[in-house]
Amino acid sequence: MTTNTNVQGIDVSHYQGSVNWAAVKNAGIGFAFAKATDGNTYADPQFQTNWADMKAAGLLRGAYHFYESNDDPVSQANNFIKAVGSLAAGDLPPVIDIEAYKGDFGGVPLAANVQTWLNTVEQALGRTPMIYTGPAFWNQYMNNSFSRYALWVAQYGVAQPKLPNGWSKWSFWQNAESGTVAGVSGSVDTDIFAGSMADLLALAAHK
């Protein structure tokens, strides 16, 4: 259920260029996620700036890793951990973005490799990660054994998103990929949190 008490957010990568986070905050945005890493070695060149500036602007911030199915999950986790460094109370859970399939690393099923990434990141950062995905992709390539992780679901042009197998609710919903928000040049992904700002603060405070 989404109401006017739901917190609005955005997510960005280097594709958005330099973001004026103070203007984003003033536009009524309460949280933001920034791409940190992709695969074994790639680090988003805008991440460190976004990460510092989101916090300075007073936004609740999160970081995500774009998962490459044919790369080593431990190397990918370590790439993300290195970029983020550490998470403080007030930061949102770390995120794995799983939406592309290019084959299985090491002949191990995708779900098992994703679990390895989740375990590695949780142990290093002390926070239970969250999963970003779309229902069609998830239901084709993954399974229903990940319900202990909060869900950030991507689906556009619908009144409510479809839940991937294994979940009974979503925590975040990426509801558009071509939104317009002050402080961001061009289009940006927009997101909704399934709760109030108090609920979101509680999620960010959890260690």
N, C-alpha and C. Protein backbone atom coordinates (compact mmCIF):
# COMPACT_ATOMS: atom_id res chain seq x y z
N MET A 1 0.84 -1.20 0.00
CA MET A 1 0.00 0.00 0.00
C MET A 1 0.87 1.24 0.00
N THR A 2 0.67 2.13 -0.92
CA THR A 2 1.42 3.38 -0.94
C THR A 2 0.47 4.53 -0.62
N THR A 3 0.90 5.41 0.23
CA THR A 3 0.11 6.58 0.60
C THR A 3 1.01 7.80 0.56
N ASN A 4 0.44 8.95 0.85
CA ASN A 4 1.25 10.16 0.83
C ASN A 4 2.22 10.23 1.99
N THR A 5 2.16 9.26 2.90
CA THR A 5 3.14 9.22 3.99
C THR A 5 4.37 8.41 3.59
N ASN A 6 4.31 7.71 2.45
CA ASN A 6 5.47 6.95 2.01
C ASN A 6 6.61 7.89 1.63
N VAL A 7 7.82 7.49 1.96
CA VAL A 7 8.99 8.33 1.69
C VAL A 7 9.43 8.14 0.24
N GLN A 8 9.73 9.26 -0.42
CA GLN A 8 10.17 9.24 -1.80
C GLN A 8 11.69 9.24 -1.87
N GLY A 9 12.23 8.53 -2.86
CA GLY A 9 13.67 8.47 -3.02
C GLY A 9 14.07 8.39 -4.48
N ILE A 10 15.39 8.37 -4.71
CA ILE A 10 15.94 8.18 -6.04
C ILE A 10 17.14 7.25 -5.94
N ASP A 11 17.56 6.72 -7.10
CA ASP A 11 18.84 6.01 -7.14
C ASP A 11 19.61 6.47 -8.36
N VAL A 12 20.94 6.53 -8.18
CA VAL A 12 21.79 7.16 -9.19
C VAL A 12 23.04 6.32 -9.44
N SER A 13 23.68 6.62 -10.54
CA SER A 13 25.02 6.12 -10.85
C SER A 13 25.77 7.24 -11.55
N HIS A 14 26.93 6.94 -12.11
CA HIS A 14 27.69 7.99 -12.81
C HIS A 14 26.94 8.54 -14.01
N TYR A 15 25.92 7.82 -14.48
CA TYR A 15 25.14 8.30 -15.62
C TYR A 15 24.44 9.62 -15.30
N GLN A 16 24.15 9.87 -14.04
CA GLN A 16 23.50 11.14 -13.65
C GLN A 16 24.52 12.27 -13.51
N GLY A 17 25.80 11.96 -13.62
CA GLY A 17 26.82 13.00 -13.50
C GLY A 17 26.86 13.58 -12.10
N SER A 18 27.16 14.87 -12.02
CA SER A 18 27.25 15.54 -10.73
C SER A 18 25.85 15.91 -10.25
N VAL A 19 25.50 15.48 -9.06
CA VAL A 19 24.17 15.70 -8.50
C VAL A 19 24.25 16.77 -7.42
N ASN A 20 23.30 17.70 -7.44
CA ASN A 20 23.18 18.70 -6.39
C ASN A 20 22.30 18.11 -5.29
N TRP A 21 22.93 17.47 -4.32
CA TRP A 21 22.15 16.72 -3.33
C TRP A 21 21.35 17.62 -2.41
N ALA A 22 21.82 18.83 -2.17
CA ALA A 22 21.02 19.75 -1.35
C ALA A 22 19.70 20.08 -2.05
N ALA A 23 19.76 20.27 -3.36
CA ALA A 23 18.54 20.53 -4.13
C ALA A 23 17.63 19.31 -4.14
N VAL A 24 18.22 18.13 -4.23
CA VAL A 24 17.43 16.89 -4.17
C VAL A 24 16.69 16.81 -2.84
N LYS A 25 17.39 17.08 -1.76
CA LYS A 25 16.77 17.07 -0.43
C LYS A 25 15.63 18.09 -0.34
N ASN A 26 15.88 19.29 -0.86
CA ASN A 26 14.87 20.35 -0.81
C ASN A 26 13.65 20.03 -1.66
N ALA A 27 13.82 19.10 -2.64
CA ALA A 27 12.70 18.70 -3.49
C ALA A 27 11.79 17.68 -2.81
N GLY A 28 12.13 17.33 -1.57
CA GLY A 28 11.28 16.41 -0.82
C GLY A 28 11.72 14.96 -0.86
N ILE A 29 12.91 14.72 -1.38
CA ILE A 29 13.45 13.36 -1.43
C ILE A 29 14.05 13.02 -0.06
N GLY A 30 13.71 11.84 0.45
CA GLY A 30 14.16 11.46 1.79
C GLY A 30 15.34 10.51 1.82
N PHE A 31 15.55 9.77 0.73
CA PHE A 31 16.63 8.79 0.70
C PHE A 31 17.15 8.66 -0.72
N ALA A 32 18.35 8.08 -0.84
CA ALA A 32 18.93 7.84 -2.16
C ALA A 32 19.89 6.67 -2.08
N PHE A 33 19.94 5.92 -3.16
CA PHE A 33 20.92 4.86 -3.34
C PHE A 33 21.85 5.25 -4.48
N ALA A 34 23.12 4.95 -4.30
CA ALA A 34 24.11 5.22 -5.34
C ALA A 34 24.82 3.94 -5.72
N LYS A 35 25.08 3.77 -7.01
CA LYS A 35 25.85 2.63 -7.47
C LYS A 35 27.28 2.75 -6.98
N ALA A 36 27.78 1.68 -6.36
CA ALA A 36 29.16 1.66 -5.88
C ALA A 36 30.06 0.89 -6.81
N THR A 37 29.63 -0.31 -7.18
CA THR A 37 30.51 -1.22 -7.91
C THR A 37 29.71 -2.09 -8.88
N ASP A 38 30.46 -2.77 -9.74
CA ASP A 38 29.88 -3.66 -10.76
C ASP A 38 30.92 -4.75 -11.02
N GLY A 39 30.52 -6.00 -10.80
CA GLY A 39 31.42 -7.10 -11.10
C GLY A 39 32.62 -7.16 -10.18
N ASN A 40 33.71 -7.74 -10.70
CA ASN A 40 34.90 -8.01 -9.88
C ASN A 40 35.72 -6.77 -9.55
N THR A 41 35.79 -5.81 -10.47
CA THR A 41 36.76 -4.73 -10.31
C THR A 41 36.21 -3.33 -10.54
N TYR A 42 35.08 -3.18 -11.20
CA TYR A 42 34.60 -1.85 -11.56
C TYR A 42 34.08 -1.09 -10.34
N ALA A 43 34.52 0.15 -10.20
CA ALA A 43 33.99 1.06 -9.18
C ALA A 43 33.41 2.28 -9.88
N ASP A 44 32.19 2.63 -9.53
CA ASP A 44 31.54 3.78 -10.16
C ASP A 44 32.34 5.05 -9.84
N PRO A 45 32.75 5.81 -10.87
CA PRO A 45 33.62 6.97 -10.61
C PRO A 45 32.93 8.09 -9.83
N GLN A 46 31.61 8.07 -9.76
CA GLN A 46 30.90 9.12 -9.03
C GLN A 46 30.53 8.71 -7.62
N PHE A 47 30.81 7.44 -7.26
CA PHE A 47 30.28 6.92 -5.99
C PHE A 47 30.79 7.67 -4.77
N GLN A 48 32.10 7.83 -4.65
CA GLN A 48 32.63 8.44 -3.43
C GLN A 48 32.09 9.85 -3.23
N THR A 49 31.95 10.60 -4.29
CA THR A 49 31.36 11.94 -4.20
C THR A 49 29.90 11.86 -3.79
N ASN A 50 29.14 10.98 -4.45
CA ASN A 50 27.73 10.83 -4.09
C ASN A 50 27.58 10.39 -2.64
N TRP A 51 28.39 9.44 -2.23
CA TRP A 51 28.28 8.86 -0.88
C TRP A 51 28.48 9.93 0.18
N ALA A 52 29.50 10.76 0.01
CA ALA A 52 29.76 11.83 0.97
C ALA A 52 28.69 12.93 0.90
N ASP A 53 28.30 13.29 -0.32
CA ASP A 53 27.39 14.42 -0.47
C ASP A 53 25.96 14.09 -0.07
N MET A 54 25.55 12.84 -0.26
CA MET A 54 24.21 12.44 0.20
C MET A 54 24.09 12.63 1.71
N LYS A 55 25.12 12.20 2.43
CA LYS A 55 25.09 12.34 3.89
C LYS A 55 25.15 13.80 4.29
N ALA A 56 25.99 14.56 3.63
CA ALA A 56 26.12 15.98 3.97
C ALA A 56 24.81 16.74 3.76
N ALA A 57 24.01 16.29 2.78
CA ALA A 57 22.73 16.94 2.49
C ALA A 57 21.62 16.50 3.43
N GLY A 58 21.90 15.51 4.28
CA GLY A 58 20.90 15.04 5.22
C GLY A 58 19.96 13.97 4.69
N LEU A 59 20.37 13.31 3.61
CA LEU A 59 19.59 12.21 3.06
C LEU A 59 20.03 10.89 3.69
N LEU A 60 19.10 9.98 3.87
CA LEU A 60 19.46 8.62 4.21
C LEU A 60 20.05 7.98 2.95
N ARG A 61 21.22 7.36 3.09
CA ARG A 61 21.95 6.91 1.91
C ARG A 61 22.14 5.40 1.91
N GLY A 62 22.17 4.86 0.71
CA GLY A 62 22.46 3.45 0.54
C GLY A 62 23.38 3.26 -0.66
N ALA A 63 24.06 2.11 -0.69
CA ALA A 63 24.97 1.79 -1.79
C ALA A 63 24.57 0.44 -2.39
N TYR A 64 24.73 0.32 -3.73
CA TYR A 64 24.39 -0.96 -4.35
C TYR A 64 25.51 -1.44 -5.27
N HIS A 65 25.51 -2.76 -5.42
CA HIS A 65 26.46 -3.46 -6.29
C HIS A 65 25.69 -4.12 -7.42
N PHE A 66 26.12 -3.88 -8.66
CA PHE A 66 25.51 -4.56 -9.81
C PHE A 66 26.20 -5.91 -9.97
N TYR A 67 25.42 -6.98 -9.80
CA TYR A 67 25.97 -8.33 -9.77
C TYR A 67 26.11 -8.89 -11.18
N GLU A 68 27.29 -9.41 -11.47
CA GLU A 68 27.55 -10.07 -12.76
C GLU A 68 27.57 -11.58 -12.52
N SER A 69 26.64 -12.28 -13.13
CA SER A 69 26.44 -13.70 -12.81
C SER A 69 27.63 -14.57 -13.16
N ASN A 70 28.45 -14.12 -14.11
CA ASN A 70 29.59 -14.94 -14.54
C ASN A 70 30.91 -14.50 -13.90
N ASP A 71 30.84 -13.66 -12.86
CA ASP A 71 32.03 -13.27 -12.10
C ASP A 71 32.01 -13.93 -10.72
N ASP A 72 33.19 -14.04 -10.11
CA ASP A 72 33.35 -14.66 -8.80
C ASP A 72 32.58 -13.86 -7.74
N PRO A 73 31.63 -14.49 -7.02
CA PRO A 73 30.84 -13.74 -6.04
C PRO A 73 31.66 -13.17 -4.89
N VAL A 74 32.72 -13.87 -4.48
CA VAL A 74 33.56 -13.35 -3.39
C VAL A 74 34.35 -12.13 -3.86
N SER A 75 34.90 -12.20 -5.06
CA SER A 75 35.62 -11.04 -5.60
C SER A 75 34.68 -9.85 -5.75
N GLN A 76 33.46 -10.12 -6.19
CA GLN A 76 32.49 -9.05 -6.34
C GLN A 76 32.14 -8.44 -4.98
N ALA A 77 31.94 -9.29 -3.99
CA ALA A 77 31.63 -8.80 -2.65
C ALA A 77 32.77 -7.95 -2.11
N ASN A 78 34.01 -8.40 -2.30
CA ASN A 78 35.16 -7.65 -1.81
C ASN A 78 35.34 -6.33 -2.54
N ASN A 79 34.99 -6.29 -3.82
CA ASN A 79 35.01 -5.04 -4.58
C ASN A 79 34.05 -4.03 -3.96
N PHE A 80 32.85 -4.49 -3.63
CA PHE A 80 31.84 -3.63 -3.01
C PHE A 80 32.27 -3.18 -1.61
N ILE A 81 32.75 -4.12 -0.82
CA ILE A 81 33.18 -3.81 0.56
C ILE A 81 34.30 -2.77 0.55
N LYS A 82 35.24 -2.92 -0.37
CA LYS A 82 36.34 -1.96 -0.47
C LYS A 82 35.83 -0.56 -0.80
N ALA A 83 34.85 -0.47 -1.70
CA ALA A 83 34.33 0.84 -2.10
C ALA A 83 33.56 1.52 -0.97
N VAL A 84 32.75 0.74 -0.27
CA VAL A 84 31.89 1.31 0.77
C VAL A 84 32.68 1.58 2.05
N GLY A 85 33.62 0.70 2.35
CA GLY A 85 34.44 0.87 3.55
C GLY A 85 33.74 0.32 4.77
N SER A 86 32.80 1.08 5.30
CA SER A 86 32.02 0.61 6.44
C SER A 86 30.68 1.32 6.41
N LEU A 87 29.71 0.77 7.12
CA LEU A 87 28.39 1.38 7.22
C LEU A 87 28.17 1.83 8.65
N ALA A 88 27.64 3.02 8.79
CA ALA A 88 27.32 3.55 10.11
C ALA A 88 25.84 3.41 10.37
N ALA A 89 25.46 3.46 11.64
CA ALA A 89 24.04 3.59 11.96
C ALA A 89 23.54 4.85 11.26
N GLY A 90 22.43 4.73 10.58
CA GLY A 90 21.93 5.83 9.76
C GLY A 90 22.10 5.58 8.27
N ASP A 91 22.93 4.59 7.91
CA ASP A 91 23.03 4.18 6.51
C ASP A 91 22.04 3.06 6.23
N LEU A 92 21.52 3.04 5.03
CA LEU A 92 20.59 1.98 4.63
C LEU A 92 21.36 0.68 4.36
N PRO A 93 20.66 -0.45 4.35
CA PRO A 93 21.35 -1.73 4.12
C PRO A 93 22.06 -1.77 2.78
N PRO A 94 23.17 -2.51 2.70
CA PRO A 94 23.84 -2.69 1.41
C PRO A 94 22.95 -3.48 0.46
N VAL A 95 23.09 -3.22 -0.83
CA VAL A 95 22.18 -3.79 -1.82
C VAL A 95 22.94 -4.56 -2.90
N ILE A 96 22.41 -5.72 -3.25
CA ILE A 96 22.83 -6.43 -4.45
C ILE A 96 21.76 -6.23 -5.52
N ASP A 97 22.17 -5.76 -6.69
CA ASP A 97 21.30 -5.54 -7.83
C ASP A 97 21.48 -6.75 -8.74
N ILE A 98 20.46 -7.61 -8.77
CA ILE A 98 20.54 -8.84 -9.56
C ILE A 98 19.44 -8.80 -10.63
N GLU A 99 19.87 -8.52 -11.87
CA GLU A 99 18.89 -8.33 -12.94
C GLU A 99 19.41 -8.79 -14.30
N ALA A 100 20.60 -9.40 -14.33
CA ALA A 100 21.18 -9.82 -15.61
C ALA A 100 21.81 -11.19 -15.46
N TYR A 101 21.64 -12.01 -16.48
CA TYR A 101 22.21 -13.36 -16.46
C TYR A 101 23.11 -13.57 -17.66
N LYS A 102 24.39 -13.90 -17.39
CA LYS A 102 25.37 -14.15 -18.45
C LYS A 102 26.04 -15.50 -18.28
N GLY A 103 25.39 -16.40 -17.57
CA GLY A 103 25.99 -17.69 -17.28
C GLY A 103 26.42 -17.78 -15.84
N ASP A 104 26.68 -19.01 -15.38
CA ASP A 104 27.00 -19.24 -13.98
C ASP A 104 28.51 -19.28 -13.76
N PHE A 105 28.99 -18.57 -12.75
CA PHE A 105 30.41 -18.62 -12.41
C PHE A 105 30.74 -19.97 -11.78
N GLY A 106 31.80 -20.61 -12.27
CA GLY A 106 32.28 -21.85 -11.69
C GLY A 106 31.32 -23.02 -11.81
N GLY A 107 30.34 -22.90 -12.69
CA GLY A 107 29.36 -23.96 -12.83
C GLY A 107 28.41 -24.07 -11.64
N VAL A 108 28.43 -23.08 -10.76
CA VAL A 108 27.57 -23.07 -9.58
C VAL A 108 26.29 -22.31 -9.92
N PRO A 109 25.12 -22.82 -9.54
CA PRO A 109 23.87 -22.11 -9.85
C PRO A 109 23.88 -20.67 -9.34
N LEU A 110 23.20 -19.80 -10.08
CA LEU A 110 23.19 -18.38 -9.76
C LEU A 110 22.74 -18.13 -8.32
N ALA A 111 21.70 -18.81 -7.88
CA ALA A 111 21.19 -18.57 -6.52
C ALA A 111 22.26 -18.85 -5.46
N ALA A 112 23.04 -19.89 -5.64
CA ALA A 112 24.08 -20.23 -4.67
C ALA A 112 25.18 -19.19 -4.67
N ASN A 113 25.55 -18.70 -5.84
CA ASN A 113 26.58 -17.65 -5.91
C ASN A 113 26.09 -16.34 -5.31
N VAL A 114 24.84 -16.00 -5.55
CA VAL A 114 24.27 -14.79 -4.94
C VAL A 114 24.28 -14.92 -3.41
N GLN A 115 23.96 -16.10 -2.92
CA GLN A 115 23.99 -16.32 -1.47
C GLN A 115 25.40 -16.11 -0.92
N THR A 116 26.42 -16.54 -1.66
CA THR A 116 27.80 -16.33 -1.24
C THR A 116 28.12 -14.85 -1.14
N TRP A 117 27.67 -14.06 -2.13
CA TRP A 117 27.87 -12.60 -2.07
C TRP A 117 27.19 -12.02 -0.83
N LEU A 118 25.95 -12.41 -0.61
CA LEU A 118 25.19 -11.89 0.53
C LEU A 118 25.89 -12.23 1.85
N ASN A 119 26.34 -13.46 1.98
CA ASN A 119 27.01 -13.88 3.22
C ASN A 119 28.30 -13.09 3.44
N THR A 120 29.08 -12.92 2.37
CA THR A 120 30.36 -12.23 2.48
C THR A 120 30.18 -10.77 2.89
N VAL A 121 29.22 -10.11 2.27
CA VAL A 121 28.97 -8.70 2.57
C VAL A 121 28.39 -8.54 3.98
N GLU A 122 27.47 -9.41 4.36
CA GLU A 122 26.88 -9.31 5.69
C GLU A 122 27.93 -9.49 6.78
N GLN A 123 28.83 -10.42 6.57
CA GLN A 123 29.86 -10.67 7.58
C GLN A 123 30.82 -9.48 7.67
N ALA A 124 31.16 -8.89 6.54
CA ALA A 124 32.14 -7.80 6.54
C ALA A 124 31.55 -6.48 7.05
N LEU A 125 30.31 -6.19 6.68
CA LEU A 125 29.73 -4.88 6.98
C LEU A 125 28.80 -4.89 8.19
N GLY A 126 28.46 -6.08 8.66
CA GLY A 126 27.62 -6.16 9.85
C GLY A 126 26.17 -5.76 9.64
N ARG A 127 25.73 -5.79 8.39
CA ARG A 127 24.34 -5.47 8.07
C ARG A 127 23.77 -6.53 7.14
N THR A 128 22.53 -6.88 7.33
CA THR A 128 21.86 -7.80 6.42
C THR A 128 21.58 -7.07 5.11
N PRO A 129 22.10 -7.56 3.99
CA PRO A 129 21.88 -6.86 2.72
C PRO A 129 20.42 -6.92 2.28
N MET A 130 20.15 -6.12 1.27
CA MET A 130 18.84 -6.07 0.64
C MET A 130 19.02 -6.48 -0.82
N ILE A 131 17.97 -7.01 -1.41
CA ILE A 131 18.02 -7.48 -2.80
C ILE A 131 17.17 -6.59 -3.69
N TYR A 132 17.79 -6.09 -4.77
CA TYR A 132 17.09 -5.36 -5.83
C TYR A 132 16.93 -6.30 -7.01
N THR A 133 15.71 -6.38 -7.53
CA THR A 133 15.46 -7.24 -8.68
C THR A 133 14.12 -6.90 -9.30
N GLY A 134 13.86 -7.48 -10.45
CA GLY A 134 12.54 -7.40 -11.08
C GLY A 134 11.86 -8.76 -10.99
N PRO A 135 10.54 -8.80 -10.89
CA PRO A 135 9.85 -10.07 -10.69
C PRO A 135 10.05 -11.06 -11.83
N ALA A 136 10.04 -10.60 -13.07
CA ALA A 136 10.17 -11.54 -14.19
C ALA A 136 11.56 -12.18 -14.19
N PHE A 137 12.60 -11.37 -14.01
CA PHE A 137 13.95 -11.92 -13.97
C PHE A 137 14.09 -12.89 -12.81
N TRP A 138 13.69 -12.47 -11.64
CA TRP A 138 13.87 -13.30 -10.44
C TRP A 138 13.18 -14.65 -10.60
N ASN A 139 11.95 -14.62 -11.05
CA ASN A 139 11.19 -15.86 -11.15
C ASN A 139 11.76 -16.81 -12.19
N GLN A 140 12.50 -16.29 -13.16
CA GLN A 140 13.11 -17.14 -14.18
C GLN A 140 14.43 -17.75 -13.71
N TYR A 141 15.23 -16.96 -12.98
CA TYR A 141 16.62 -17.39 -12.71
C TYR A 141 16.92 -17.71 -11.25
N MET A 142 16.07 -17.29 -10.33
CA MET A 142 16.38 -17.46 -8.92
C MET A 142 15.34 -18.38 -8.27
N ASN A 143 15.28 -18.39 -6.93
CA ASN A 143 14.31 -19.26 -6.25
C ASN A 143 13.68 -18.51 -5.08
N ASN A 144 12.88 -19.22 -4.30
CA ASN A 144 12.07 -18.55 -3.28
C ASN A 144 12.68 -18.63 -1.88
N SER A 145 14.00 -18.81 -1.78
CA SER A 145 14.63 -19.04 -0.48
C SER A 145 15.34 -17.80 0.07
N PHE A 146 14.96 -16.61 -0.39
CA PHE A 146 15.67 -15.38 0.01
C PHE A 146 14.78 -14.42 0.79
N SER A 147 13.72 -14.93 1.38
CA SER A 147 12.74 -14.04 2.02
C SER A 147 13.26 -13.36 3.28
N ARG A 148 14.39 -13.79 3.83
CA ARG A 148 14.93 -13.11 5.01
C ARG A 148 15.53 -11.75 4.65
N TYR A 149 15.74 -11.52 3.36
CA TYR A 149 16.31 -10.25 2.91
C TYR A 149 15.20 -9.30 2.48
N ALA A 150 15.34 -8.04 2.85
CA ALA A 150 14.39 -7.03 2.41
C ALA A 150 14.44 -6.92 0.88
N LEU A 151 13.29 -6.62 0.30
CA LEU A 151 13.15 -6.58 -1.16
C LEU A 151 13.03 -5.13 -1.65
N TRP A 152 13.84 -4.82 -2.66
CA TRP A 152 13.71 -3.58 -3.43
C TRP A 152 13.32 -4.03 -4.84
N VAL A 153 12.07 -3.86 -5.18
CA VAL A 153 11.53 -4.42 -6.42
C VAL A 153 11.44 -3.33 -7.49
N ALA A 154 11.74 -3.70 -8.72
CA ALA A 154 11.66 -2.78 -9.85
C ALA A 154 10.53 -3.21 -10.77
N GLN A 155 9.55 -2.33 -10.93
CA GLN A 155 8.48 -2.56 -11.91
C GLN A 155 7.81 -1.22 -12.19
N TYR A 156 7.61 -0.93 -13.47
CA TYR A 156 7.13 0.39 -13.88
C TYR A 156 5.74 0.28 -14.51
N GLY A 157 5.01 1.37 -14.42
CA GLY A 157 3.72 1.46 -15.09
C GLY A 157 2.63 0.63 -14.47
N VAL A 158 2.75 0.34 -13.18
CA VAL A 158 1.73 -0.44 -12.48
C VAL A 158 1.34 0.29 -11.20
N ALA A 159 0.15 -0.01 -10.70
CA ALA A 159 -0.32 0.61 -9.46
C ALA A 159 0.38 0.01 -8.25
N GLN A 160 0.71 -1.25 -8.34
CA GLN A 160 1.47 -1.96 -7.29
C GLN A 160 2.39 -2.96 -7.98
N PRO A 161 3.60 -3.13 -7.51
CA PRO A 161 4.51 -4.07 -8.16
C PRO A 161 4.15 -5.52 -7.83
N LYS A 162 4.47 -6.40 -8.77
CA LYS A 162 4.33 -7.84 -8.52
C LYS A 162 5.48 -8.28 -7.62
N LEU A 163 5.19 -9.17 -6.69
CA LEU A 163 6.22 -9.66 -5.79
C LEU A 163 6.92 -10.87 -6.41
N PRO A 164 8.25 -10.89 -6.45
CA PRO A 164 8.96 -12.08 -6.91
C PRO A 164 8.72 -13.26 -5.97
N ASN A 165 8.96 -14.46 -6.46
CA ASN A 165 8.77 -15.66 -5.65
C ASN A 165 9.56 -15.58 -4.35
N GLY A 166 8.90 -15.87 -3.23
CA GLY A 166 9.56 -15.93 -1.94
C GLY A 166 9.24 -14.76 -1.02
N TRP A 167 8.71 -13.67 -1.57
CA TRP A 167 8.43 -12.50 -0.74
C TRP A 167 6.93 -12.26 -0.58
N SER A 168 6.55 -11.77 0.59
CA SER A 168 5.16 -11.40 0.84
C SER A 168 4.98 -9.89 0.91
N LYS A 169 6.08 -9.13 0.84
CA LYS A 169 5.99 -7.67 0.85
C LYS A 169 7.27 -7.09 0.25
N TRP A 170 7.18 -5.85 -0.17
CA TRP A 170 8.36 -5.12 -0.63
C TRP A 170 8.69 -4.02 0.36
N SER A 171 9.98 -3.67 0.44
CA SER A 171 10.43 -2.57 1.30
C SER A 171 10.65 -1.29 0.48
N PHE A 172 11.25 -1.45 -0.69
CA PHE A 172 11.43 -0.33 -1.62
C PHE A 172 10.89 -0.75 -2.98
N TRP A 173 10.37 0.23 -3.72
CA TRP A 173 9.84 -0.01 -5.05
C TRP A 173 10.40 1.04 -6.00
N GLN A 174 11.18 0.59 -6.97
CA GLN A 174 11.62 1.47 -8.05
C GLN A 174 10.47 1.54 -9.05
N ASN A 175 9.74 2.64 -9.01
CA ASN A 175 8.48 2.72 -9.75
C ASN A 175 8.59 3.44 -11.08
N ALA A 176 9.76 4.04 -11.36
CA ALA A 176 9.96 4.70 -12.66
C ALA A 176 11.46 4.82 -12.93
N GLU A 177 11.80 4.81 -14.21
CA GLU A 177 13.21 4.95 -14.60
C GLU A 177 13.46 6.25 -15.35
N SER A 178 12.46 7.10 -15.44
CA SER A 178 12.63 8.35 -16.18
C SER A 178 12.00 9.51 -15.43
N GLY A 179 12.22 9.53 -14.12
CA GLY A 179 11.68 10.61 -13.30
C GLY A 179 12.49 11.89 -13.45
N THR A 180 11.89 12.98 -12.97
CA THR A 180 12.55 14.28 -12.97
C THR A 180 12.58 14.80 -11.54
N VAL A 181 13.76 15.11 -11.05
CA VAL A 181 13.93 15.60 -9.68
C VAL A 181 14.91 16.76 -9.71
N ALA A 182 14.57 17.84 -9.01
CA ALA A 182 15.46 18.99 -8.92
C ALA A 182 16.82 18.55 -8.38
N GLY A 183 17.87 19.09 -8.97
CA GLY A 183 19.23 18.74 -8.55
C GLY A 183 19.88 17.67 -9.40
N VAL A 184 19.06 16.98 -10.23
CA VAL A 184 19.58 15.92 -11.10
C VAL A 184 19.35 16.33 -12.55
N SER A 185 20.42 16.32 -13.35
CA SER A 185 20.29 16.64 -14.77
C SER A 185 19.73 15.42 -15.51
N GLY A 186 18.70 15.64 -16.29
CA GLY A 186 18.12 14.55 -17.05
C GLY A 186 17.24 13.66 -16.19
N SER A 187 16.99 12.44 -16.69
CA SER A 187 16.07 11.54 -16.01
C SER A 187 16.79 10.76 -14.91
N VAL A 188 15.99 10.28 -13.97
CA VAL A 188 16.55 9.54 -12.83
C VAL A 188 15.52 8.51 -12.37
N ASP A 189 16.01 7.39 -11.86
CA ASP A 189 15.13 6.39 -11.28
C ASP A 189 14.50 6.95 -10.02
N THR A 190 13.19 6.72 -9.86
CA THR A 190 12.51 7.15 -8.64
C THR A 190 12.04 5.93 -7.86
N ASP A 191 12.00 6.08 -6.53
CA ASP A 191 11.72 4.96 -5.64
C ASP A 191 10.77 5.40 -4.53
N ILE A 192 10.07 4.41 -3.98
CA ILE A 192 9.16 4.61 -2.86
C ILE A 192 9.54 3.65 -1.75
N PHE A 193 9.56 4.13 -0.52
CA PHE A 193 9.75 3.26 0.63
C PHE A 193 8.38 2.91 1.21
N ALA A 194 8.20 1.66 1.58
CA ALA A 194 6.91 1.17 2.09
C ALA A 194 6.75 1.49 3.57
N GLY A 195 6.67 2.76 3.86
CA GLY A 195 6.50 3.17 5.25
C GLY A 195 6.77 4.64 5.42
N SER A 196 6.76 5.07 6.67
CA SER A 196 6.97 6.47 7.02
C SER A 196 8.45 6.76 7.19
N MET A 197 8.77 8.03 7.39
CA MET A 197 10.16 8.39 7.66
C MET A 197 10.64 7.74 8.96
N ALA A 198 9.76 7.64 9.96
CA ALA A 198 10.13 6.97 11.21
C ALA A 198 10.50 5.51 10.94
N ASP A 199 9.74 4.84 10.07
CA ASP A 199 10.04 3.45 9.70
C ASP A 199 11.39 3.37 8.99
N LEU A 200 11.65 4.32 8.10
CA LEU A 200 12.89 4.31 7.35
C LEU A 200 14.09 4.58 8.27
N LEU A 201 13.92 5.48 9.20
CA LEU A 201 14.98 5.75 10.17
C LEU A 201 15.27 4.52 11.01
N ALA A 202 14.23 3.78 11.34
CA ALA A 202 14.42 2.55 12.12
C ALA A 202 15.20 1.52 11.32
N LEU A 203 14.91 1.42 10.03
CA LEU A 203 15.64 0.50 9.16
C LEU A 203 17.11 0.90 9.07
N ALA A 204 17.36 2.19 8.95
CA ALA A 204 18.73 2.67 8.82
C ALA A 204 19.50 2.53 10.14
N ALA A 205 18.81 2.59 11.25
CA ALA A 205 19.47 2.51 12.54
C ALA A 205 19.84 1.09 12.93
N HIS A 206 19.22 0.13 12.27
CA HIS A 206 19.44 -1.28 12.65
C HIS A 206 20.85 -1.71 12.30
N LYS A 207 21.54 -2.27 13.26
CA LYS A 207 22.89 -2.77 13.02
C LYS A 207 22.89 -4.30 12.93
